[in-house]
PDB file of N, CA and C in Angstrom:
ATOM      1  N   MET A   1      30.303 -33.796  -7.575  1.00  0.00           N
ATOM      2  CA  MET A   1      29.650 -32.910  -6.638  1.00  0.00           C
ATOM      3  C   MET A   1      30.708 -32.264  -5.759  1.00  0.00           C
ATOM      4  N   ASN A   2      30.448 -31.063  -5.335  1.00  0.00           N
ATOM      5  CA  ASN A   2      31.354 -30.279  -4.523  1.00  0.00           C
ATOM      6  C   ASN A   2      31.210 -30.685  -3.060  1.00  0.00           C
ATOM      7  N   ASP A   3      32.298 -31.170  -2.449  1.00  0.00           N
ATOM      8  CA  ASP A   3      32.235 -31.619  -1.057  1.00  0.00           C
ATOM      9  C   ASP A   3      31.920 -30.477  -0.099  1.00  0.00           C
ATOM     10  N   VAL A   4      32.429 -29.273  -0.392  1.00  0.00           N
ATOM     11  CA  VAL A   4      32.149 -28.124   0.468  1.00  0.00           C
ATOM     12  C   VAL A   4      30.662 -27.813   0.437  1.00  0.00           C
ATOM     13  N   GLY A   5      30.070 -27.785  -0.757  1.00  0.00           N
ATOM     14  CA  GLY A   5      28.632 -27.538  -0.883  1.00  0.00           C
ATOM     15  C   GLY A   5      27.830 -28.613  -0.203  1.00  0.00           C
ATOM     16  N   SER A   6      28.260 -29.851  -0.343  1.00  0.00           N
ATOM     17  CA  SER A   6      27.542 -30.963   0.266  1.00  0.00           C
ATOM     18  C   SER A   6      27.565 -30.853   1.777  1.00  0.00           C
ATOM     19  N   SER A   7      28.715 -30.565   2.348  1.00  0.00           N
ATOM     20  CA  SER A   7      28.795 -30.479   3.795  1.00  0.00           C
ATOM     21  C   SER A   7      28.036 -29.256   4.302  1.00  0.00           C
ATOM     22  N   ARG A   8      28.071 -28.169   3.555  1.00  0.00           N
ATOM     23  CA  ARG A   8      27.355 -26.960   3.957  1.00  0.00           C
ATOM     24  C   ARG A   8      25.859 -27.249   4.031  1.00  0.00           C
ATOM     25  N   HIS A   9      25.331 -27.930   3.023  1.00  0.00           N
ATOM     26  CA  HIS A   9      23.898 -28.216   3.002  1.00  0.00           C
ATOM     27  C   HIS A   9      23.528 -29.324   3.978  1.00  0.00           C
ATOM     28  N   SER A  10      24.425 -30.257   4.251  1.00  0.00           N
ATOM     29  CA  SER A  10      24.104 -31.350   5.158  1.00  0.00           C
ATOM     30  C   SER A  10      23.986 -30.864   6.600  1.00  0.00           C
ATOM     31  N   LEU A  11      24.516 -29.698   6.900  1.00  0.00           N
ATOM     32  CA  LEU A  11      24.417 -29.143   8.250  1.00  0.00           C
ATOM     33  C   LEU A  11      23.096 -28.423   8.484  1.00  0.00           C
ATOM     34  N   MET A  12      22.338 -28.201   7.424  1.00  0.00           N
ATOM     35  CA  MET A  12      21.067 -27.494   7.542  1.00  0.00           C
ATOM     36  C   MET A  12      19.953 -28.456   7.955  1.00  0.00           C
ATOM     37  N   GLN A  13      18.941 -27.925   8.611  1.00  0.00           N
ATOM     38  CA  GLN A  13      17.784 -28.736   8.990  1.00  0.00           C
ATOM     39  C   GLN A  13      16.921 -28.989   7.765  1.00  0.00           C
ATOM     40  N   GLY A  14      16.133 -30.055   7.825  1.00  0.00           N
ATOM     41  CA  GLY A  14      15.290 -30.446   6.704  1.00  0.00           C
ATOM     42  C   GLY A  14      14.360 -29.349   6.232  1.00  0.00           C
ATOM     43  N   SER A  15      13.744 -28.639   7.192  1.00  0.00           N
ATOM     44  CA  SER A  15      12.808 -27.576   6.803  1.00  0.00           C
ATOM     45  C   SER A  15      13.531 -26.449   6.075  1.00  0.00           C
ATOM     46  N   GLU A  16      14.747 -26.130   6.507  1.00  0.00           N
ATOM     47  CA  GLU A  16      15.544 -25.102   5.833  1.00  0.00           C
ATOM     48  C   GLU A  16      15.939 -25.563   4.436  1.00  0.00           C
ATOM     49  N   LEU A  17      16.330 -26.817   4.340  1.00  0.00           N
ATOM     50  CA  LEU A  17      16.710 -27.377   3.038  1.00  0.00           C
ATOM     51  C   LEU A  17      15.530 -27.390   2.077  1.00  0.00           C
ATOM     52  N   GLU A  18      14.346 -27.714   2.595  1.00  0.00           N
ATOM     53  CA  GLU A  18      13.182 -27.762   1.714  1.00  0.00           C
ATOM     54  C   GLU A  18      12.858 -26.373   1.173  1.00  0.00           C
ATOM     55  N   VAL A  19      12.925 -25.364   2.011  1.00  0.00           N
ATOM     56  CA  VAL A  19      12.691 -23.988   1.557  1.00  0.00           C
ATOM     57  C   VAL A  19      13.730 -23.608   0.502  1.00  0.00           C
ATOM     58  N   LEU A  20      14.979 -23.958   0.751  1.00  0.00           N
ATOM     59  CA  LEU A  20      16.055 -23.682  -0.192  1.00  0.00           C
ATOM     60  C   LEU A  20      15.838 -24.439  -1.500  1.00  0.00           C
ATOM     61  N   ALA A  21      15.416 -25.696  -1.399  1.00  0.00           N
ATOM     62  CA  ALA A  21      15.173 -26.509  -2.595  1.00  0.00           C
ATOM     63  C   ALA A  21      14.037 -25.936  -3.430  1.00  0.00           C
ATOM     64  N   VAL A  22      12.954 -25.527  -2.785  1.00  0.00           N
ATOM     65  CA  VAL A  22      11.816 -24.957  -3.516  1.00  0.00           C
ATOM     66  C   VAL A  22      12.247 -23.683  -4.238  1.00  0.00           C
ATOM     67  N   ALA A  23      13.008 -22.838  -3.558  1.00  0.00           N
ATOM     68  CA  ALA A  23      13.497 -21.605  -4.193  1.00  0.00           C
ATOM     69  C   ALA A  23      14.415 -21.930  -5.375  1.00  0.00           C
ATOM     70  N   ALA A  24      15.267 -22.927  -5.212  1.00  0.00           N
ATOM     71  CA  ALA A  24      16.186 -23.315  -6.282  1.00  0.00           C
ATOM     72  C   ALA A  24      15.442 -23.914  -7.474  1.00  0.00           C
ATOM     73  N   ILE A  25      14.390 -24.680  -7.200  1.00  0.00           N
ATOM     74  CA  ILE A  25      13.573 -25.250  -8.285  1.00  0.00           C
ATOM     75  C   ILE A  25      12.887 -24.129  -9.054  1.00  0.00           C
ATOM     76  N   ARG A  26      12.328 -23.178  -8.335  1.00  0.00           N
ATOM     77  CA  ARG A  26      11.665 -22.050  -9.006  1.00  0.00           C
ATOM     78  C   ARG A  26      12.665 -21.246  -9.828  1.00  0.00           C
ATOM     79  N   GLU A  27      13.845 -21.016  -9.284  1.00  0.00           N
ATOM     80  CA  GLU A  27      14.887 -20.292 -10.027  1.00  0.00           C
ATOM     81  C   GLU A  27      15.284 -21.075 -11.273  1.00  0.00           C
ATOM     82  N   HIS A  28      15.392 -22.382 -11.141  1.00  0.00           N
ATOM     83  CA  HIS A  28      15.751 -23.228 -12.288  1.00  0.00           C
ATOM     84  C   HIS A  28      14.694 -23.120 -13.383  1.00  0.00           C
ATOM     85  N   ARG A  29      13.442 -23.166 -12.990  1.00  0.00           N
ATOM     86  CA  ARG A  29      12.355 -23.022 -13.968  1.00  0.00           C
ATOM     87  C   ARG A  29      12.432 -21.665 -14.670  1.00  0.00           C
ATOM     88  N   HIS A  30      12.698 -20.623 -13.892  1.00  0.00           N
ATOM     89  CA  HIS A  30      12.806 -19.272 -14.458  1.00  0.00           C
ATOM     90  C   HIS A  30      13.961 -19.194 -15.455  1.00  0.00           C
ATOM     91  N   LEU A  31      15.096 -19.758 -15.089  1.00  0.00           N
ATOM     92  CA  LEU A  31      16.258 -19.742 -15.983  1.00  0.00           C
ATOM     93  C   LEU A  31      15.977 -20.506 -17.271  1.00  0.00           C
ATOM     94  N   ILE A  32      15.328 -21.650 -17.163  1.00  0.00           N
ATOM     95  CA  ILE A  32      15.004 -22.442 -18.356  1.00  0.00           C
ATOM     96  C   ILE A  32      14.099 -21.643 -19.286  1.00  0.00           C
ATOM     97  N   ALA A  33      13.072 -21.009 -18.728  1.00  0.00           N
ATOM     98  CA  ALA A  33      12.146 -20.217 -19.548  1.00  0.00           C
ATOM     99  C   ALA A  33      12.878 -19.070 -20.240  1.00  0.00           C
ATOM    100  N   ALA A  34      13.758 -18.394 -19.514  1.00  0.00           N
ATOM    101  CA  ALA A  34      14.511 -17.291 -20.103  1.00  0.00           C
ATOM    102  C   ALA A  34      15.481 -17.805 -21.173  1.00  0.00           C
ATOM    103  N   ASP A  35      16.119 -18.947 -20.904  1.00  0.00           N
ATOM    104  CA  ASP A  35      17.023 -19.553 -21.889  1.00  0.00           C
ATOM    105  C   ASP A  35      16.275 -19.892 -23.173  1.00  0.00           C
ATOM    106  N   GLU A  36      15.090 -20.452 -23.021  1.00  0.00           N
ATOM    107  CA  GLU A  36      14.288 -20.818 -24.193  1.00  0.00           C
ATOM    108  C   GLU A  36      13.901 -19.587 -25.007  1.00  0.00           C
ATOM    109  N   ALA A  37      13.567 -18.494 -24.328  1.00  0.00           N
ATOM    110  CA  ALA A  37      13.200 -17.262 -25.030  1.00  0.00           C
ATOM    111  C   ALA A  37      14.380 -16.729 -25.838  1.00  0.00           C
ATOM    112  N   VAL A  38      15.562 -16.742 -25.241  1.00  0.00           N
ATOM    113  CA  VAL A  38      16.755 -16.272 -25.955  1.00  0.00           C
ATOM    114  C   VAL A  38      17.068 -17.201 -27.123  1.00  0.00           C
ATOM    115  N   TYR A  39      16.940 -18.507 -26.903  1.00  0.00           N
ATOM    116  CA  TYR A  39      17.200 -19.466 -27.976  1.00  0.00           C
ATOM    117  C   TYR A  39      16.229 -19.246 -29.146  1.00  0.00           C
ATOM    118  N   GLU A  40      14.949 -19.059 -28.823  1.00  0.00           N
ATOM    119  CA  GLU A  40      13.959 -18.823 -29.873  1.00  0.00           C
ATOM    120  C   GLU A  40      14.268 -17.538 -30.643  1.00  0.00           C
ATOM    121  N   GLU A  41      14.654 -16.496 -29.929  1.00  0.00           N
ATOM    122  CA  GLU A  41      15.021 -15.243 -30.592  1.00  0.00           C
ATOM    123  C   GLU A  41      16.229 -15.452 -31.498  1.00  0.00           C
ATOM    124  N   TRP A  42      17.211 -16.192 -31.003  1.00  0.00           N
ATOM    125  CA  TRP A  42      18.417 -16.474 -31.786  1.00  0.00           C
ATOM    126  C   TRP A  42      18.068 -17.274 -33.046  1.00  0.00           C
ATOM    127  N   THR A  43      17.220 -18.290 -32.925  1.00  0.00           N
ATOM    128  CA  THR A  43      16.871 -19.093 -34.102  1.00  0.00           C
ATOM    129  C   THR A  43      16.033 -18.288 -35.105  1.00  0.00           C
ATOM    130  N   ARG A  44      15.127 -17.438 -34.602  1.00  0.00           N
ATOM    131  CA  ARG A  44      14.363 -16.569 -35.519  1.00  0.00           C
ATOM    132  C   ARG A  44      15.296 -15.614 -36.249  1.00  0.00           C
ATOM    133  N   ALA A  45      16.222 -15.034 -35.507  1.00  0.00           N
ATOM    134  CA  ALA A  45      17.165 -14.092 -36.119  1.00  0.00           C
ATOM    135  C   ALA A  45      18.060 -14.799 -37.135  1.00  0.00           C
ATOM    136  N   SER A  46      18.427 -16.044 -36.850  1.00  0.00           N
ATOM    137  CA  SER A  46      19.277 -16.817 -37.767  1.00  0.00           C
ATOM    138  C   SER A  46      18.575 -17.058 -39.096  1.00  0.00           C
ATOM    139  N   ALA A  47      17.269 -17.152 -39.071  1.00  0.00           N
ATOM    140  CA  ALA A  47      16.495 -17.398 -40.290  1.00  0.00           C
ATOM    141  C   ALA A  47      16.216 -16.110 -41.070  1.00  0.00           C
ATOM    142  N   ASP A  48      16.516 -14.976 -40.470  1.00  0.00           N
ATOM    143  CA  ASP A  48      16.235 -13.682 -41.101  1.00  0.00           C
ATOM    144  C   ASP A  48      17.518 -13.140 -41.732  1.00  0.00           C
ATOM    145  N   PRO A  49      17.582 -13.095 -43.064  1.00  0.00           N
ATOM    146  CA  PRO A  49      18.811 -12.642 -43.729  1.00  0.00           C
ATOM    147  C   PRO A  49      19.137 -11.169 -43.476  1.00  0.00           C
ATOM    148  N   SER A  50      18.169 -10.404 -42.982  1.00  0.00           N
ATOM    149  CA  SER A  50      18.443  -8.983 -42.730  1.00  0.00           C
ATOM    150  C   SER A  50      19.150  -8.752 -41.384  1.00  0.00           C
ATOM    151  N   VAL A  51      19.243  -9.783 -40.556  1.00  0.00           N
ATOM    152  CA  VAL A  51      19.893  -9.651 -39.249  1.00  0.00           C
ATOM    153  C   VAL A  51      21.407  -9.783 -39.439  1.00  0.00           C
ATOM    154  N   SER A  52      22.129  -8.842 -38.885  1.00  0.00           N
ATOM    155  CA  SER A  52      23.583  -8.823 -39.065  1.00  0.00           C
ATOM    156  C   SER A  52      24.277  -9.951 -38.305  1.00  0.00           C
ATOM    157  N   ALA A  53      25.458 -10.271 -38.765  1.00  0.00           N
ATOM    158  CA  ALA A  53      26.271 -11.299 -38.109  1.00  0.00           C
ATOM    159  C   ALA A  53      26.611 -10.894 -36.679  1.00  0.00           C
ATOM    160  N   ALA A  54      26.791  -9.597 -36.453  1.00  0.00           N
ATOM    161  CA  ALA A  54      27.115  -9.115 -35.105  1.00  0.00           C
ATOM    162  C   ALA A  54      25.952  -9.368 -34.143  1.00  0.00           C
ATOM    163  N   VAL A  55      24.734  -9.154 -34.610  1.00  0.00           N
ATOM    164  CA  VAL A  55      23.563  -9.401 -33.769  1.00  0.00           C
ATOM    165  C   VAL A  55      23.429 -10.892 -33.496  1.00  0.00           C
ATOM    166  N   LEU A  56      23.626 -11.714 -34.517  1.00  0.00           N
ATOM    167  CA  LEU A  56      23.566 -13.166 -34.320  1.00  0.00           C
ATOM    168  C   LEU A  56      24.612 -13.629 -33.319  1.00  0.00           C
ATOM    169  N   LYS A  57      25.817 -13.092 -33.446  1.00  0.00           N
ATOM    170  CA  LYS A  57      26.902 -13.460 -32.522  1.00  0.00           C
ATOM    171  C   LYS A  57      26.538 -13.046 -31.098  1.00  0.00           C
ATOM    172  N   SER A  58      25.957 -11.871 -30.952  1.00  0.00           N
ATOM    173  CA  SER A  58      25.560 -11.388 -29.632  1.00  0.00           C
ATOM    174  C   SER A  58      24.505 -12.307 -29.010  1.00  0.00           C
ATOM    175  N   LEU A  59      23.516 -12.709 -29.810  1.00  0.00           N
ATOM    176  CA  LEU A  59      22.483 -13.621 -29.313  1.00  0.00           C
ATOM    177  C   LEU A  59      23.076 -14.977 -28.953  1.00  0.00           C
ATOM    178  N   GLN A  60      23.983 -15.454 -29.780  1.00  0.00           N
ATOM    179  CA  GLN A  60      24.631 -16.731 -29.495  1.00  0.00           C
ATOM    180  C   GLN A  60      25.430 -16.638 -28.197  1.00  0.00           C
ATOM    181  N   ASP A  61      26.180 -15.567 -28.026  1.00  0.00           N
ATOM    182  CA  ASP A  61      26.977 -15.385 -26.812  1.00  0.00           C
ATOM    183  C   ASP A  61      26.090 -15.307 -25.575  1.00  0.00           C
ATOM    184  N   GLU A  62      24.967 -14.609 -25.702  1.00  0.00           N
ATOM    185  CA  GLU A  62      24.043 -14.514 -24.573  1.00  0.00           C
ATOM    186  C   GLU A  62      23.482 -15.890 -24.222  1.00  0.00           C
ATOM    187  N   TYR A  63      23.127 -16.656 -25.242  1.00  0.00           N
ATOM    188  CA  TYR A  63      22.579 -17.992 -25.001  1.00  0.00           C
ATOM    189  C   TYR A  63      23.617 -18.887 -24.317  1.00  0.00           C
ATOM    190  N   VAL A  64      24.841 -18.862 -24.787  1.00  0.00           N
ATOM    191  CA  VAL A  64      25.901 -19.686 -24.196  1.00  0.00           C
ATOM    192  C   VAL A  64      26.151 -19.264 -22.743  1.00  0.00           C
ATOM    193  N   ALA A  65      26.175 -17.966 -22.482  1.00  0.00           N
ATOM    194  CA  ALA A  65      26.378 -17.481 -21.113  1.00  0.00           C
ATOM    195  C   ALA A  65      25.228 -17.936 -20.207  1.00  0.00           C
ATOM    196  N   ARG A  66      24.002 -17.889 -20.725  1.00  0.00           N
ATOM    197  CA  ARG A  66      22.845 -18.340 -19.948  1.00  0.00           C
ATOM    198  C   ARG A  66      22.928 -19.838 -19.668  1.00  0.00           C
ATOM    199  N   GLN A  67      23.406 -20.592 -20.629  1.00  0.00           N
ATOM    200  CA  GLN A  67      23.544 -22.034 -20.434  1.00  0.00           C
ATOM    201  C   GLN A  67      24.546 -22.334 -19.320  1.00  0.00           C
ATOM    202  N   LYS A  68      25.630 -21.591 -19.275  1.00  0.00           N
ATOM    203  CA  LYS A  68      26.634 -21.781 -18.213  1.00  0.00           C
ATOM    204  C   LYS A  68      26.037 -21.447 -16.843  1.00  0.00           C
ATOM    205  N   LYS A  69      25.271 -20.359 -16.787  1.00  0.00           N
ATOM    206  CA  LYS A  69      24.633 -19.980 -15.522  1.00  0.00           C
ATOM    207  C   LYS A  69      23.628 -21.047 -15.098  1.00  0.00           C
ATOM    208  N   SER A  70      22.855 -21.557 -16.051  1.00  0.00           N
ATOM    209  CA  SER A  70      21.875 -22.603 -15.751  1.00  0.00           C
ATOM    210  C   SER A  70      22.554 -23.876 -15.261  1.00  0.00           C
ATOM    211  N   GLU A  71      23.690 -24.194 -15.863  1.00  0.00           N
ATOM    212  CA  GLU A  71      24.432 -25.390 -15.446  1.00  0.00           C
ATOM    213  C   GLU A  71      24.907 -25.255 -14.002  1.00  0.00           C
ATOM    214  N   ALA A  72      25.442 -24.096 -13.660  1.00  0.00           N
ATOM    215  CA  ALA A  72      25.915 -23.872 -12.289  1.00  0.00           C
ATOM    216  C   ALA A  72      24.745 -23.937 -11.300  1.00  0.00           C
ATOM    217  N   GLN A  73      23.604 -23.364 -11.691  1.00  0.00           N
ATOM    218  CA  GLN A  73      22.436 -23.383 -10.822  1.00  0.00           C
ATOM    219  C   GLN A  73      21.903 -24.804 -10.672  1.00  0.00           C
ATOM    220  N   GLN A  74      21.968 -25.589 -11.735  1.00  0.00           N
ATOM    221  CA  GLN A  74      21.520 -26.985 -11.685  1.00  0.00           C
ATOM    222  C   GLN A  74      22.399 -27.790 -10.725  1.00  0.00           C
ATOM    223  N   GLU A  75      23.693 -27.521 -10.730  1.00  0.00           N
ATOM    224  CA  GLU A  75      24.596 -28.215  -9.804  1.00  0.00           C
ATOM    225  C   GLU A  75      24.242 -27.877  -8.359  1.00  0.00           C
ATOM    226  N   LEU A  76      23.962 -26.599  -8.096  1.00  0.00           N
ATOM    227  CA  LEU A  76      23.565 -26.186  -6.753  1.00  0.00           C
ATOM    228  C   LEU A  76      22.264 -26.874  -6.351  1.00  0.00           C
ATOM    229  N   LEU A  77      21.295 -26.877  -7.253  1.00  0.00           N
ATOM    230  CA  LEU A  77      20.016 -27.540  -6.982  1.00  0.00           C
ATOM    231  C   LEU A  77      20.227 -29.018  -6.673  1.00  0.00           C
ATOM    232  N   SER A  78      21.081 -29.664  -7.426  1.00  0.00           N
ATOM    233  CA  SER A  78      21.375 -31.079  -7.206  1.00  0.00           C
ATOM    234  C   SER A  78      21.975 -31.308  -5.822  1.00  0.00           C
ATOM    235  N   GLU A  79      22.880 -30.441  -5.413  1.00  0.00           N
ATOM    236  CA  GLU A  79      23.487 -30.560  -4.078  1.00  0.00           C
ATOM    237  C   GLU A  79      22.429 -30.420  -2.985  1.00  0.00           C
ATOM    238  N   ILE A  80      21.531 -29.455  -3.154  1.00  0.00           N
ATOM    239  CA  ILE A  80      20.484 -29.224  -2.157  1.00  0.00           C
ATOM    240  C   ILE A  80      19.556 -30.436  -2.070  1.00  0.00           C
ATOM    241  N   ILE A  81      19.145 -30.939  -3.229  1.00  0.00           N
ATOM    242  CA  ILE A  81      18.241 -32.094  -3.248  1.00  0.00           C
ATOM    243  C   ILE A  81      18.929 -33.331  -2.685  1.00  0.00           C
ATOM    244  N   ASP A  82      20.206 -33.511  -2.996  1.00  0.00           N
ATOM    245  CA  ASP A  82      20.949 -34.638  -2.420  1.00  0.00           C
ATOM    246  C   ASP A  82      20.962 -34.556  -0.894  1.00  0.00           C
ATOM    247  N   ALA A  83      21.202 -33.360  -0.363  1.00  0.00           N
ATOM    248  CA  ALA A  83      21.246 -33.189   1.094  1.00  0.00           C
ATOM    249  C   ALA A  83      19.850 -33.373   1.700  1.00  0.00           C
ATOM    250  N   LEU A  84      18.822 -32.913   0.993  1.00  0.00           N
ATOM    251  CA  LEU A  84      17.448 -33.037   1.481  1.00  0.00           C
ATOM    252  C   LEU A  84      16.971 -34.487   1.426  1.00  0.00           C
ATOM    253  N   GLY A  85      17.364 -35.197   0.379  1.00  0.00           N
ATOM    254  CA  GLY A  85      17.000 -36.605   0.256  1.00  0.00           C
ATOM    255  C   GLY A  85      15.768 -36.875  -0.587  1.00  0.00           C
ATOM    256  N   TYR A  86      15.124 -35.827  -1.065  1.00  0.00           N
ATOM    257  CA  TYR A  86      13.962 -35.990  -1.939  1.00  0.00           C
ATOM    258  C   TYR A  86      13.735 -34.675  -2.682  1.00  0.00           C
ATOM    259  N   VAL A  87      12.924 -34.755  -3.727  1.00  0.00           N
ATOM    260  CA  VAL A  87      12.562 -33.560  -4.491  1.00  0.00           C
ATOM    261  C   VAL A  87      11.209 -33.083  -3.974  1.00  0.00           C
ATOM    262  N   PRO A  88      11.165 -31.880  -3.396  1.00  0.00           N
ATOM    263  CA  PRO A  88       9.887 -31.405  -2.887  1.00  0.00           C
ATOM    264  C   PRO A  88       8.934 -31.051  -4.025  1.00  0.00           C
ATOM    265  N   LYS A  89       7.644 -31.183  -3.755  1.00  0.00           N
ATOM    266  CA  LYS A  89       6.647 -30.786  -4.757  1.00  0.00           C
ATOM    267  C   LYS A  89       6.599 -29.272  -4.812  1.00  0.00           C
ATOM    268  N   VAL A  90       6.608 -28.755  -6.025  1.00  0.00           N
ATOM    269  CA  VAL A  90       6.543 -27.311  -6.228  1.00  0.00           C
ATOM    270  C   VAL A  90       5.478 -27.045  -7.283  1.00  0.00           C
ATOM    271  N   ALA A  91       4.491 -26.258  -6.899  1.00  0.00           N
ATOM    272  CA  ALA A  91       3.413 -25.932  -7.834  1.00  0.00           C
ATOM    273  C   ALA A  91       3.978 -25.171  -9.022  1.00  0.00           C
ATOM    274  N   PRO A  92       3.375 -25.343 -10.184  1.00  0.00           N
ATOM    275  CA  PRO A  92       3.804 -24.547 -11.331  1.00  0.00           C
ATOM    276  C   PRO A  92       3.680 -23.052 -11.024  1.00  0.00           C
ATOM    277  N   ASP A  93       4.486 -22.250 -11.692  1.00  0.00           N
ATOM    278  CA  ASP A  93       4.435 -20.808 -11.475  1.00  0.00           C
ATOM    279  C   ASP A  93       3.010 -20.301 -11.684  1.00  0.00           C
ATOM    280  N   GLY A  94       2.610 -19.399 -10.825  1.00  0.00           N
ATOM    281  CA  GLY A  94       1.270 -18.840 -10.919  1.00  0.00           C
ATOM    282  C   GLY A  94       0.230 -19.608 -10.122  1.00  0.00           C
ATOM    283  N   GLU A  95       0.622 -20.756  -9.566  1.00  0.00           N
ATOM    284  CA  GLU A  95      -0.298 -21.527  -8.731  1.00  0.00           C
ATOM    285  C   GLU A  95       0.189 -21.500  -7.293  1.00  0.00           C
ATOM    286  N   ALA A  96      -0.703 -21.654  -6.383  1.00  0.00           N
ATOM    287  CA  ALA A  96      -0.343 -21.626  -4.958  1.00  0.00           C
ATOM    288  C   ALA A  96       0.196 -22.948  -4.506  1.00  0.00           C
TER     289      ALA A  96
END
């Protein structure tokens, strides 16, 4: 864990951290859904012999880049939750 991130979040009040955590959880869910869509497209394209190697490579590169972004966001979320001390309840997307 990043000590700078930890100290930055530990200086925030609980209510601020909870708002930040909820936003980070929602962002994480969004990233996962988008990653899955790209992965599914990549696997469908891989099964289609008419899809060029360049297109497959592009989809693979996009998926790998998304995975790196998701990993960085997950680390941030972990830091926020560590500073908050619990995982706040977050309704599924589309629910209040």
